[in-house]
N, C-alpha and C. Protein backbone atom coordinates (compact mmCIF):
# COMPACT_ATOMS: atom_id res chain seq x y z
N MET A 1 0.84 -1.18 0.00
CA MET A 1 0.00 0.00 0.00
C MET A 1 0.88 1.24 0.00
N THR A 2 0.49 2.18 -0.79
CA THR A 2 1.21 3.43 -0.83
C THR A 2 0.25 4.58 -0.67
N ALA A 3 0.80 5.75 -0.35
CA ALA A 3 -0.04 6.93 -0.22
C ALA A 3 -0.56 7.32 -1.58
N ASN A 4 -1.78 7.77 -1.62
CA ASN A 4 -2.41 8.15 -2.87
C ASN A 4 -3.06 9.50 -2.70
N VAL A 5 -2.73 10.44 -3.57
CA VAL A 5 -3.42 11.72 -3.57
C VAL A 5 -4.73 11.48 -4.31
N LEU A 6 -5.84 11.68 -3.64
CA LEU A 6 -7.12 11.41 -4.26
C LEU A 6 -7.40 12.39 -5.38
N GLN A 7 -7.81 11.86 -6.50
CA GLN A 7 -8.24 12.67 -7.62
C GLN A 7 -9.74 12.91 -7.45
N THR A 8 -10.21 14.00 -7.98
CA THR A 8 -11.63 14.29 -7.83
C THR A 8 -12.49 13.46 -8.77
N SER A 9 -11.87 12.76 -9.71
CA SER A 9 -12.66 11.94 -10.64
C SER A 9 -13.28 10.76 -9.91
N LYS A 10 -14.46 10.39 -10.35
CA LYS A 10 -15.16 9.26 -9.74
C LYS A 10 -14.44 7.94 -10.01
N SER A 11 -13.59 7.90 -11.02
CA SER A 11 -12.97 6.64 -11.41
C SER A 11 -11.81 6.23 -10.50
N ASP A 12 -11.37 7.09 -9.62
CA ASP A 12 -10.28 6.74 -8.71
C ASP A 12 -10.78 5.68 -7.74
N PRO A 13 -10.16 4.48 -7.72
CA PRO A 13 -10.63 3.42 -6.82
C PRO A 13 -10.54 3.81 -5.34
N ALA A 14 -9.74 4.79 -5.01
CA ALA A 14 -9.64 5.22 -3.61
C ALA A 14 -10.99 5.71 -3.09
N TRP A 15 -11.79 6.34 -3.95
CA TRP A 15 -13.13 6.79 -3.52
C TRP A 15 -13.99 5.58 -3.15
N SER A 16 -13.91 4.54 -3.95
CA SER A 16 -14.70 3.33 -3.66
C SER A 16 -14.24 2.69 -2.35
N TRP A 17 -12.92 2.62 -2.16
CA TRP A 17 -12.40 2.08 -0.91
C TRP A 17 -12.84 2.92 0.29
N LEU A 18 -12.81 4.24 0.13
CA LEU A 18 -13.25 5.11 1.21
C LEU A 18 -14.71 4.84 1.55
N ALA A 19 -15.55 4.76 0.53
CA ALA A 19 -16.97 4.50 0.75
C ALA A 19 -17.18 3.19 1.50
N LEU A 20 -16.48 2.15 1.07
CA LEU A 20 -16.63 0.84 1.73
C LEU A 20 -16.07 0.84 3.15
N SER A 21 -15.02 1.61 3.37
CA SER A 21 -14.41 1.63 4.71
C SER A 21 -15.31 2.28 5.75
N LEU A 22 -16.29 3.03 5.31
CA LEU A 22 -17.21 3.69 6.22
C LEU A 22 -18.39 2.80 6.62
N ILE A 23 -18.46 1.61 6.06
CA ILE A 23 -19.55 0.68 6.38
C ILE A 23 -19.18 -0.13 7.61
N SER A 24 -20.06 -0.10 8.59
CA SER A 24 -19.88 -0.93 9.77
C SER A 24 -20.33 -2.35 9.43
N GLY A 25 -19.51 -3.33 9.75
CA GLY A 25 -19.90 -4.71 9.54
C GLY A 25 -19.21 -5.40 8.38
N ILE A 26 -18.32 -4.70 7.70
CA ILE A 26 -17.54 -5.34 6.64
C ILE A 26 -16.09 -4.89 6.79
N GLY A 27 -15.19 -5.83 6.68
CA GLY A 27 -13.78 -5.53 6.85
C GLY A 27 -12.98 -5.76 5.59
N TYR A 28 -11.70 -5.51 5.71
CA TYR A 28 -10.78 -5.61 4.58
C TYR A 28 -10.81 -6.99 3.93
N LYS A 29 -10.77 -8.04 4.73
CA LYS A 29 -10.71 -9.40 4.17
C LYS A 29 -11.96 -9.72 3.36
N LYS A 30 -13.11 -9.35 3.87
CA LYS A 30 -14.36 -9.62 3.15
C LYS A 30 -14.42 -8.79 1.87
N ILE A 31 -14.02 -7.52 1.95
CA ILE A 31 -14.01 -6.67 0.76
C ILE A 31 -13.09 -7.28 -0.29
N ARG A 32 -11.90 -7.70 0.12
CA ARG A 32 -10.94 -8.30 -0.82
C ARG A 32 -11.51 -9.57 -1.45
N ALA A 33 -12.17 -10.40 -0.66
CA ALA A 33 -12.76 -11.63 -1.20
C ALA A 33 -13.83 -11.32 -2.24
N LEU A 34 -14.64 -10.32 -1.96
CA LEU A 34 -15.69 -9.92 -2.92
C LEU A 34 -15.07 -9.34 -4.19
N ILE A 35 -14.03 -8.52 -4.04
CA ILE A 35 -13.36 -7.94 -5.20
C ILE A 35 -12.75 -9.03 -6.07
N LYS A 36 -12.18 -10.04 -5.43
CA LYS A 36 -11.58 -11.14 -6.18
C LYS A 36 -12.63 -11.81 -7.08
N GLN A 37 -13.83 -11.94 -6.57
CA GLN A 37 -14.91 -12.56 -7.34
C GLN A 37 -15.49 -11.61 -8.39
N LEU A 38 -15.56 -10.33 -8.08
CA LEU A 38 -16.24 -9.37 -8.96
C LEU A 38 -15.30 -8.61 -9.89
N GLY A 39 -14.02 -8.59 -9.60
CA GLY A 39 -13.05 -7.97 -10.50
C GLY A 39 -12.49 -6.64 -10.07
N SER A 40 -13.27 -5.83 -9.37
CA SER A 40 -12.76 -4.53 -8.92
C SER A 40 -13.63 -3.98 -7.80
N VAL A 41 -13.08 -3.02 -7.10
CA VAL A 41 -13.81 -2.38 -6.01
C VAL A 41 -15.00 -1.60 -6.57
N GLU A 42 -14.82 -1.03 -7.76
CA GLU A 42 -15.92 -0.30 -8.39
C GLU A 42 -17.07 -1.23 -8.74
N GLU A 43 -16.73 -2.43 -9.25
CA GLU A 43 -17.77 -3.41 -9.59
C GLU A 43 -18.53 -3.87 -8.34
N LEU A 44 -17.83 -3.98 -7.23
CA LEU A 44 -18.49 -4.35 -5.98
C LEU A 44 -19.58 -3.34 -5.64
N LEU A 45 -19.26 -2.05 -5.77
CA LEU A 45 -20.25 -1.02 -5.45
C LEU A 45 -21.43 -1.01 -6.43
N LYS A 46 -21.21 -1.50 -7.64
CA LYS A 46 -22.27 -1.52 -8.66
C LYS A 46 -23.15 -2.77 -8.58
N THR A 47 -22.70 -3.77 -7.85
CA THR A 47 -23.43 -5.04 -7.79
C THR A 47 -24.73 -4.88 -7.01
N SER A 48 -25.78 -5.47 -7.53
CA SER A 48 -27.09 -5.34 -6.88
C SER A 48 -27.12 -6.06 -5.54
N PRO A 49 -27.93 -5.54 -4.61
CA PRO A 49 -28.05 -6.22 -3.32
C PRO A 49 -28.51 -7.67 -3.47
N GLN A 50 -29.39 -7.92 -4.42
CA GLN A 50 -29.90 -9.27 -4.64
C GLN A 50 -28.76 -10.24 -4.98
N ILE A 51 -27.85 -9.83 -5.84
CA ILE A 51 -26.72 -10.68 -6.20
C ILE A 51 -25.80 -10.88 -5.00
N LEU A 52 -25.55 -9.82 -4.24
CA LEU A 52 -24.69 -9.93 -3.07
C LEU A 52 -25.27 -10.91 -2.05
N VAL A 53 -26.58 -10.91 -1.91
CA VAL A 53 -27.24 -11.83 -0.98
C VAL A 53 -27.22 -13.26 -1.51
N GLU A 54 -27.65 -13.42 -2.76
CA GLU A 54 -27.81 -14.77 -3.32
C GLU A 54 -26.49 -15.46 -3.65
N GLN A 55 -25.55 -14.73 -4.23
CA GLN A 55 -24.31 -15.36 -4.68
C GLN A 55 -23.18 -15.31 -3.66
N PHE A 56 -23.23 -14.33 -2.76
CA PHE A 56 -22.12 -14.16 -1.82
C PHE A 56 -22.55 -14.31 -0.36
N GLN A 57 -23.80 -14.70 -0.15
CA GLN A 57 -24.33 -14.98 1.18
C GLN A 57 -24.17 -13.83 2.17
N LEU A 58 -24.30 -12.60 1.69
CA LEU A 58 -24.30 -11.46 2.60
C LEU A 58 -25.71 -11.25 3.13
N SER A 59 -25.82 -10.63 4.28
CA SER A 59 -27.14 -10.30 4.79
C SER A 59 -27.76 -9.22 3.90
N GLU A 60 -29.08 -9.15 3.90
CA GLU A 60 -29.75 -8.12 3.10
C GLU A 60 -29.32 -6.72 3.55
N LYS A 61 -29.16 -6.55 4.85
CA LYS A 61 -28.76 -5.25 5.38
C LYS A 61 -27.38 -4.85 4.87
N LEU A 62 -26.41 -5.75 4.97
CA LEU A 62 -25.05 -5.45 4.52
C LEU A 62 -25.01 -5.23 3.01
N ALA A 63 -25.73 -6.05 2.26
CA ALA A 63 -25.77 -5.88 0.80
C ALA A 63 -26.32 -4.50 0.43
N GLY A 64 -27.35 -4.07 1.13
CA GLY A 64 -27.90 -2.74 0.89
C GLY A 64 -26.93 -1.63 1.23
N LEU A 65 -26.21 -1.80 2.33
CA LEU A 65 -25.21 -0.80 2.72
C LEU A 65 -24.09 -0.69 1.70
N ILE A 66 -23.66 -1.81 1.15
CA ILE A 66 -22.60 -1.79 0.13
C ILE A 66 -23.08 -1.05 -1.11
N THR A 67 -24.28 -1.37 -1.55
CA THR A 67 -24.83 -0.76 -2.76
C THR A 67 -24.99 0.75 -2.61
N LYS A 68 -25.30 1.20 -1.41
CA LYS A 68 -25.53 2.63 -1.16
C LYS A 68 -24.30 3.36 -0.63
N ALA A 69 -23.18 2.67 -0.48
CA ALA A 69 -22.01 3.22 0.20
C ALA A 69 -21.53 4.56 -0.36
N ALA A 70 -21.51 4.70 -1.67
CA ALA A 70 -21.00 5.93 -2.29
C ALA A 70 -22.03 7.05 -2.30
N LYS A 71 -23.21 6.79 -1.73
CA LYS A 71 -24.26 7.81 -1.70
C LYS A 71 -24.60 8.25 -0.28
N THR A 72 -23.92 7.68 0.70
CA THR A 72 -24.24 8.00 2.08
C THR A 72 -23.77 9.40 2.45
N GLN A 73 -24.43 9.97 3.43
CA GLN A 73 -24.06 11.30 3.88
C GLN A 73 -22.63 11.32 4.43
N SER A 74 -22.25 10.29 5.16
CA SER A 74 -20.89 10.27 5.73
C SER A 74 -19.83 10.24 4.63
N PHE A 75 -20.06 9.45 3.57
CA PHE A 75 -19.11 9.42 2.46
C PHE A 75 -19.06 10.77 1.75
N LEU A 76 -20.21 11.37 1.49
CA LEU A 76 -20.24 12.65 0.78
C LEU A 76 -19.56 13.75 1.59
N ILE A 77 -19.72 13.71 2.91
CA ILE A 77 -19.03 14.69 3.77
C ILE A 77 -17.52 14.48 3.69
N GLU A 78 -17.07 13.24 3.82
CA GLU A 78 -15.63 12.94 3.73
C GLU A 78 -15.08 13.38 2.37
N LYS A 79 -15.81 13.10 1.32
CA LYS A 79 -15.36 13.46 -0.03
C LYS A 79 -15.24 14.98 -0.18
N ARG A 80 -16.22 15.70 0.37
CA ARG A 80 -16.18 17.16 0.30
C ARG A 80 -14.99 17.71 1.10
N ILE A 81 -14.76 17.17 2.27
CA ILE A 81 -13.63 17.63 3.10
C ILE A 81 -12.31 17.37 2.37
N ILE A 82 -12.17 16.18 1.80
CA ILE A 82 -10.94 15.84 1.07
C ILE A 82 -10.76 16.76 -0.12
N GLY A 83 -11.84 17.05 -0.83
CA GLY A 83 -11.76 17.93 -1.99
C GLY A 83 -11.35 19.35 -1.66
N LYS A 84 -11.67 19.79 -0.46
CA LYS A 84 -11.35 21.17 -0.05
C LYS A 84 -10.04 21.28 0.70
N THR A 85 -9.42 20.17 1.04
CA THR A 85 -8.21 20.19 1.86
C THR A 85 -7.03 19.66 1.06
N PRO A 86 -6.14 20.56 0.65
CA PRO A 86 -4.99 20.09 -0.14
C PRO A 86 -4.05 19.22 0.70
N GLY A 87 -3.45 18.25 0.03
CA GLY A 87 -2.43 17.43 0.67
C GLY A 87 -2.92 16.24 1.45
N ILE A 88 -4.22 16.00 1.49
CA ILE A 88 -4.72 14.82 2.20
C ILE A 88 -4.33 13.57 1.42
N ARG A 89 -3.84 12.58 2.13
CA ARG A 89 -3.46 11.31 1.51
C ARG A 89 -4.26 10.19 2.15
N LEU A 90 -4.53 9.19 1.36
CA LEU A 90 -5.30 8.05 1.83
C LEU A 90 -4.54 6.78 1.50
N LEU A 91 -4.35 5.93 2.49
CA LEU A 91 -3.76 4.62 2.23
C LEU A 91 -4.85 3.72 1.70
N CYS A 92 -4.64 3.24 0.50
CA CYS A 92 -5.64 2.45 -0.19
C CYS A 92 -4.99 1.18 -0.73
N PRO A 93 -5.59 0.02 -0.52
CA PRO A 93 -4.99 -1.22 -1.02
C PRO A 93 -4.75 -1.23 -2.53
N ASP A 94 -5.52 -0.49 -3.30
CA ASP A 94 -5.35 -0.47 -4.75
C ASP A 94 -4.51 0.70 -5.24
N SER A 95 -3.88 1.45 -4.35
CA SER A 95 -3.06 2.59 -4.76
C SER A 95 -1.81 2.12 -5.48
N SER A 96 -1.38 2.94 -6.42
CA SER A 96 -0.14 2.59 -7.13
C SER A 96 0.94 3.60 -6.82
């Protein structure tokens, strides 16, 4: 893992990692296992709750939280703070 200066573009995987890290009830190992199956952290956030429940045996509550992670108030607040504060770095497993 290396430090990553977050870009404001939605395509930066660090935003997806930040959104997922704000979810209570899911940790790094589970996120990594899901990414391995789905291909990317962005794909995980796009996956429907129904698929997460049926194919990955997640609870309906957790599946819903994952699907909504990038739309939550806490994520949007963090994103706004990061966007307004120069020099913030985020350690992200997918950083290069």
